[in-house]
């Protein structure tokens, strides 16, 4: 499943859900959701991506995730059968 994180604040149950994902899952951080990359949410077995343009425009750097462009984001949505927006 692809989890798309667009909000800067996640509830505790959302954080716990992200930490329990498997290597078959993916997390995509976009918009203000990229701020979560500094909160330890990325401690997950899932593949973790962030929209490069949103990270650059918000000054989010020095994070160990795969930075992707819009084309790669579209590819992620087509390769995962199910996805969820938060």
N, C-alpha and C. Protein backbone atom coordinates (compact mmCIF):
# COMPACT_ATOMS: atom_id res chain seq x y z
N UNK A 1 0.84 -1.17 0.00
CA UNK A 1 0.00 0.00 0.00
C UNK A 1 0.89 1.24 0.00
N UNK A 2 0.44 2.27 -0.64
CA UNK A 2 1.13 3.56 -0.67
C UNK A 2 0.41 4.51 0.28
N UNK A 3 1.16 5.05 1.24
CA UNK A 3 0.64 6.03 2.18
C UNK A 3 1.18 7.39 1.75
N UNK A 4 0.28 8.33 1.47
CA UNK A 4 0.67 9.66 1.03
C UNK A 4 0.43 10.61 2.20
N UNK A 5 1.50 11.20 2.70
CA UNK A 5 1.43 12.08 3.86
C UNK A 5 1.55 13.51 3.40
N UNK A 6 0.48 14.28 3.58
CA UNK A 6 0.46 15.68 3.15
C UNK A 6 0.35 16.66 4.32
N UNK A 7 0.01 16.17 5.49
CA UNK A 7 -0.17 17.04 6.65
C UNK A 7 1.06 17.04 7.53
N UNK A 8 1.35 18.19 8.13
CA UNK A 8 2.55 18.31 8.95
C UNK A 8 2.41 17.66 10.32
N UNK A 9 1.20 17.41 10.75
CA UNK A 9 1.00 16.78 12.06
C UNK A 9 0.25 15.47 11.88
N UNK A 10 0.80 14.43 12.49
CA UNK A 10 0.17 13.11 12.45
C UNK A 10 -0.23 12.73 13.86
N UNK A 11 -1.34 12.01 13.97
CA UNK A 11 -1.77 11.53 15.28
C UNK A 11 -0.87 10.37 15.70
N UNK A 12 -0.94 10.00 16.96
CA UNK A 12 -0.13 8.89 17.46
C UNK A 12 -0.46 7.59 16.75
N UNK A 13 -1.74 7.33 16.46
CA UNK A 13 -2.08 6.07 15.78
C UNK A 13 -1.55 6.06 14.36
N UNK A 14 -1.51 7.23 13.70
CA UNK A 14 -0.94 7.30 12.36
C UNK A 14 0.56 7.01 12.41
N UNK A 15 1.26 7.58 13.38
CA UNK A 15 2.70 7.33 13.53
C UNK A 15 2.97 5.85 13.79
N UNK A 16 2.18 5.25 14.65
CA UNK A 16 2.37 3.82 14.95
C UNK A 16 2.08 2.97 13.72
N UNK A 17 1.08 3.34 12.96
CA UNK A 17 0.76 2.61 11.73
C UNK A 17 1.94 2.66 10.76
N UNK A 18 2.52 3.83 10.58
CA UNK A 18 3.64 3.97 9.66
C UNK A 18 4.85 3.14 10.12
N UNK A 19 5.07 3.07 11.41
CA UNK A 19 6.20 2.31 11.93
C UNK A 19 6.03 0.81 11.79
N UNK A 20 4.79 0.37 11.59
CA UNK A 20 4.52 -1.07 11.51
C UNK A 20 4.41 -1.58 10.06
N UNK A 21 4.72 -0.75 9.09
CA UNK A 21 4.58 -1.15 7.69
C UNK A 21 5.67 -2.13 7.27
N UNK A 22 5.39 -2.85 6.19
CA UNK A 22 6.35 -3.84 5.68
C UNK A 22 7.14 -3.27 4.50
N UNK A 23 8.10 -4.03 4.03
CA UNK A 23 8.93 -3.61 2.90
C UNK A 23 8.14 -3.53 1.60
N UNK A 24 6.95 -4.10 1.55
CA UNK A 24 6.10 -4.01 0.36
C UNK A 24 5.34 -2.70 0.30
N UNK A 25 5.30 -1.98 1.41
CA UNK A 25 4.59 -0.71 1.48
C UNK A 25 5.51 0.44 1.11
N UNK A 26 4.90 1.60 0.86
CA UNK A 26 5.67 2.81 0.56
C UNK A 26 5.00 4.00 1.25
N UNK A 27 5.83 4.94 1.66
CA UNK A 27 5.35 6.19 2.25
C UNK A 27 5.86 7.33 1.38
N UNK A 28 4.94 8.18 0.96
CA UNK A 28 5.29 9.34 0.13
C UNK A 28 4.97 10.60 0.91
N UNK A 29 5.99 11.43 1.19
CA UNK A 29 5.79 12.69 1.88
C UNK A 29 5.73 13.81 0.86
N UNK A 30 4.68 14.63 0.95
CA UNK A 30 4.49 15.74 0.01
C UNK A 30 3.88 16.92 0.77
N UNK A 31 3.89 18.07 0.12
CA UNK A 31 3.34 19.31 0.68
C UNK A 31 3.93 19.51 2.08
N UNK A 32 3.12 19.93 3.07
CA UNK A 32 3.64 20.14 4.43
C UNK A 32 3.98 18.83 5.14
N UNK A 33 3.60 17.73 4.56
CA UNK A 33 3.93 16.43 5.14
C UNK A 33 5.42 16.17 5.19
N UNK A 34 6.22 16.88 4.37
CA UNK A 34 7.67 16.68 4.40
C UNK A 34 8.27 17.07 5.74
N UNK A 35 7.60 17.91 6.52
CA UNK A 35 8.12 18.27 7.84
C UNK A 35 8.18 17.06 8.77
N UNK A 36 7.37 16.06 8.51
CA UNK A 36 7.39 14.84 9.32
C UNK A 36 8.70 14.08 9.20
N UNK A 37 9.48 14.37 8.19
CA UNK A 37 10.76 13.69 8.01
C UNK A 37 11.72 13.99 9.15
N UNK A 38 11.47 15.08 9.90
CA UNK A 38 12.32 15.44 11.04
C UNK A 38 11.82 14.86 12.36
N UNK A 39 10.70 14.17 12.36
CA UNK A 39 10.08 13.75 13.63
C UNK A 39 10.32 12.29 13.98
N UNK A 40 11.08 11.57 13.20
CA UNK A 40 11.32 10.17 13.50
C UNK A 40 10.28 9.22 12.94
N UNK A 41 9.33 9.75 12.18
CA UNK A 41 8.29 8.92 11.57
C UNK A 41 8.90 7.94 10.57
N UNK A 42 10.04 8.30 10.02
CA UNK A 42 10.61 7.47 8.97
C UNK A 42 11.25 6.18 9.49
N UNK A 43 11.11 5.90 10.77
CA UNK A 43 11.59 4.65 11.34
C UNK A 43 10.60 3.55 10.95
N UNK A 44 10.70 3.10 9.72
CA UNK A 44 9.74 2.15 9.16
C UNK A 44 10.47 1.20 8.21
N UNK A 45 9.90 0.02 8.01
CA UNK A 45 10.44 -0.92 7.04
C UNK A 45 10.00 -0.60 5.62
N UNK A 46 9.07 0.31 5.47
CA UNK A 46 8.54 0.67 4.15
C UNK A 46 9.57 1.45 3.34
N UNK A 47 9.36 1.49 2.04
CA UNK A 47 10.15 2.35 1.17
C UNK A 47 9.66 3.77 1.37
N UNK A 48 10.60 4.69 1.58
CA UNK A 48 10.22 6.06 1.94
C UNK A 48 10.68 7.03 0.86
N UNK A 49 9.73 7.86 0.42
CA UNK A 49 9.97 8.83 -0.64
C UNK A 49 9.49 10.21 -0.18
N UNK A 50 10.06 11.23 -0.77
CA UNK A 50 9.61 12.60 -0.52
C UNK A 50 9.65 13.35 -1.84
N UNK A 51 8.68 14.21 -2.03
CA UNK A 51 8.63 15.02 -3.24
C UNK A 51 9.71 16.09 -3.14
N UNK A 52 10.68 16.01 -4.03
CA UNK A 52 11.86 16.87 -3.99
C UNK A 52 11.49 18.35 -4.01
N UNK A 53 10.57 18.72 -4.87
CA UNK A 53 10.18 20.13 -4.99
C UNK A 53 9.63 20.66 -3.67
N UNK A 54 8.82 19.86 -2.96
CA UNK A 54 8.26 20.30 -1.69
C UNK A 54 9.33 20.40 -0.61
N UNK A 55 10.28 19.48 -0.61
CA UNK A 55 11.38 19.55 0.35
C UNK A 55 12.22 20.80 0.12
N UNK A 56 12.56 21.07 -1.12
CA UNK A 56 13.38 22.24 -1.44
C UNK A 56 12.67 23.54 -1.08
N UNK A 57 11.38 23.63 -1.39
CA UNK A 57 10.65 24.88 -1.14
C UNK A 57 10.41 25.13 0.35
N UNK A 58 10.51 24.06 1.17
CA UNK A 58 10.29 24.20 2.61
C UNK A 58 11.59 24.11 3.41
N UNK A 59 12.70 24.01 2.72
CA UNK A 59 13.99 23.95 3.40
C UNK A 59 14.24 22.65 4.14
N UNK A 60 13.58 21.59 3.72
CA UNK A 60 13.77 20.28 4.34
C UNK A 60 14.89 19.58 3.59
N UNK A 61 16.01 19.38 4.30
CA UNK A 61 17.14 18.72 3.67
C UNK A 61 17.82 17.83 4.71
N UNK A 62 18.87 17.22 4.31
CA UNK A 62 19.64 16.32 5.19
C UNK A 62 18.77 15.19 5.75
N UNK A 63 17.86 14.69 4.94
CA UNK A 63 17.05 13.54 5.34
C UNK A 63 17.41 12.37 4.43
N UNK A 64 17.42 11.20 5.01
CA UNK A 64 17.86 10.01 4.28
C UNK A 64 16.65 9.28 3.68
N UNK A 65 16.07 9.87 2.63
CA UNK A 65 14.95 9.27 1.91
C UNK A 65 15.19 9.45 0.42
N UNK A 66 14.44 8.73 -0.38
CA UNK A 66 14.53 8.90 -1.82
C UNK A 66 13.74 10.13 -2.25
N UNK A 67 14.42 11.12 -2.79
CA UNK A 67 13.76 12.32 -3.30
C UNK A 67 13.29 12.03 -4.72
N UNK A 68 12.01 12.30 -4.98
CA UNK A 68 11.44 11.99 -6.29
C UNK A 68 10.75 13.22 -6.87
N UNK A 69 10.54 13.18 -8.18
CA UNK A 69 9.82 14.25 -8.86
C UNK A 69 8.37 13.81 -9.07
N UNK A 70 7.59 14.66 -9.73
CA UNK A 70 6.18 14.35 -9.93
C UNK A 70 5.97 13.09 -10.78
N UNK A 71 6.80 12.89 -11.78
CA UNK A 71 6.66 11.69 -12.62
C UNK A 71 6.87 10.42 -11.81
N UNK A 72 7.83 10.43 -10.92
CA UNK A 72 8.07 9.25 -10.07
C UNK A 72 6.91 9.04 -9.10
N UNK A 73 6.30 10.14 -8.64
CA UNK A 73 5.16 10.02 -7.73
C UNK A 73 3.99 9.36 -8.47
N UNK A 74 3.75 9.77 -9.69
CA UNK A 74 2.68 9.15 -10.48
C UNK A 74 2.96 7.67 -10.66
N UNK A 75 4.20 7.32 -10.92
CA UNK A 75 4.56 5.91 -11.07
C UNK A 75 4.29 5.13 -9.79
N UNK A 76 4.57 5.73 -8.64
CA UNK A 76 4.27 5.07 -7.37
C UNK A 76 2.78 4.79 -7.22
N UNK A 77 1.95 5.75 -7.63
CA UNK A 77 0.50 5.55 -7.50
C UNK A 77 -0.01 4.47 -8.44
N UNK A 78 0.70 4.24 -9.54
CA UNK A 78 0.25 3.21 -10.47
C UNK A 78 0.81 1.83 -10.13
N UNK A 79 1.91 1.79 -9.39
CA UNK A 79 2.50 0.49 -9.03
C UNK A 79 1.91 -0.08 -7.74
N UNK A 80 1.25 0.77 -6.95
CA UNK A 80 0.59 0.30 -5.73
C UNK A 80 -0.91 0.24 -5.97
N UNK A 81 -1.47 -0.92 -5.77
CA UNK A 81 -2.90 -1.12 -6.03
C UNK A 81 -3.77 -0.27 -5.11
N UNK A 82 -3.35 -0.15 -3.86
CA UNK A 82 -4.11 0.63 -2.88
C UNK A 82 -3.25 1.77 -2.35
N UNK A 83 -3.89 2.90 -2.07
CA UNK A 83 -3.18 4.00 -1.45
C UNK A 83 -4.10 4.80 -0.57
N UNK A 84 -3.50 5.48 0.39
CA UNK A 84 -4.23 6.20 1.41
C UNK A 84 -3.62 7.58 1.60
N UNK A 85 -4.45 8.62 1.60
CA UNK A 85 -3.99 10.00 1.83
C UNK A 85 -4.21 10.40 3.28
N UNK A 86 -3.16 10.97 3.87
CA UNK A 86 -3.28 11.55 5.22
C UNK A 86 -2.83 12.97 5.19
